Each structure stands twice: as structure tokens, then as C-alpha cells.
Amino acid sequence: MQLERQSGSLRSQIEAAVAAHGTPLRWAITAVQQRADQPALLQIEAVVLSAGDCQQEDA
């Protein structure tokens, strides 16, 4: 996913963006694109669990 850098905590911004797709297991910034007169554009790769990933079996 791509994320436009905003002021404030970078970690909070990334965690909120990743959490929109599921429960984050891990994430990494894999690229940063510097843009003239605009905030940096971050490439984020993440591993997340979605509701469909967890299935319970009756014991």
C-alpha cells in the first residue's frame, strides 16, 4: 500500500493505515518517494490477519 506522510507520529500513521486491512502481524517501509512541494509517499508492505483468516473448529 502507499501512504502519504503527514506530520505527527509516523508509526501511528502506518499502524492505522495497516489496521484498516486487518490485524497487523508485521509491516515495513519498503520505499520512499520524495516529491517536490508534497509530502513523501511511502510504500508499505504488511502481513495482516483478516476475519476470514481465523476459523474455529468445534472440539
Protein backbone atom coordinates (compact mmCIF):
# COMPACT_ATOMS: atom_id res chain seq x y z
CA MET A 1 0.00 0.00 0.00
CA GLN A 2 1.04 3.60 -0.41
CA LEU A 3 0.78 6.19 2.35
CA GLU A 4 1.32 9.93 2.10
CA ARG A 5 3.46 11.08 5.04
CA GLN A 6 1.70 13.50 7.38
CA SER A 7 3.03 15.42 10.38
CA GLY A 8 2.96 13.59 13.69
CA SER A 9 3.92 10.07 14.68
CA LEU A 10 4.92 8.03 11.61
CA ARG A 11 4.38 4.77 13.49
CA SER A 12 0.78 5.73 14.40
CA GLN A 13 0.02 6.70 10.81
CA ILE A 14 1.31 3.41 9.45
CA GLU A 15 -0.37 1.26 12.10
CA ALA A 16 -3.73 2.96 11.49
CA ALA A 17 -3.45 2.52 7.72
CA VAL A 18 -2.46 -1.14 8.02
CA ALA A 19 -5.16 -1.86 10.63
CA ALA A 20 -7.79 -0.78 8.09
CA HIS A 21 -6.95 -4.02 6.24
CA GLY A 22 -6.89 -6.38 9.25
CA THR A 23 -4.86 -7.18 12.35
CA PRO A 24 -1.23 -6.35 11.58
CA LEU A 25 1.37 -9.04 12.28
CA ARG A 26 4.26 -7.04 10.84
CA TRP A 27 4.89 -4.19 8.43
CA ALA A 28 7.83 -2.48 6.75
CA ILE A 29 8.53 0.68 4.79
CA THR A 30 9.99 -0.66 1.55
CA ALA A 31 10.37 2.57 -0.43
CA VAL A 32 10.12 6.34 -0.02
CA GLN A 33 9.36 8.64 -2.92
CA GLN A 34 10.34 12.26 -2.28
CA ARG A 35 8.07 14.69 -4.12
CA ALA A 36 8.60 18.40 -4.72
CA ASP A 37 6.21 20.55 -2.68
CA GLN A 38 4.30 17.47 -1.45
CA PRO A 39 4.71 15.08 1.47
CA ALA A 40 6.80 11.95 0.88
CA LEU A 41 4.96 8.91 -0.45
CA LEU A 42 5.77 5.74 1.50
CA GLN A 43 5.45 2.21 0.14
CA ILE A 44 4.30 -0.06 2.98
CA GLU A 45 4.28 -3.85 2.86
CA ALA A 46 2.42 -5.66 5.62
CA VAL A 47 1.22 -9.05 6.76
CA VAL A 48 -2.25 -8.89 8.30
CA LEU A 49 -4.89 -11.28 9.56
CA SER A 50 -8.40 -10.66 8.35
CA ALA A 51 -11.58 -12.01 9.95
CA GLY A 52 -11.77 -14.74 7.29
CA ASP A 53 -8.24 -15.96 8.12
CA CYS A 54 -9.23 -17.26 11.58
CA GLN A 55 -11.53 -20.26 11.61
CA GLN A 56 -12.55 -22.04 14.78
CA GLU A 57 -13.15 -25.76 14.86
CA ASP A 58 -15.65 -27.40 17.19
CA ALA A 59 -13.85 -29.73 19.61
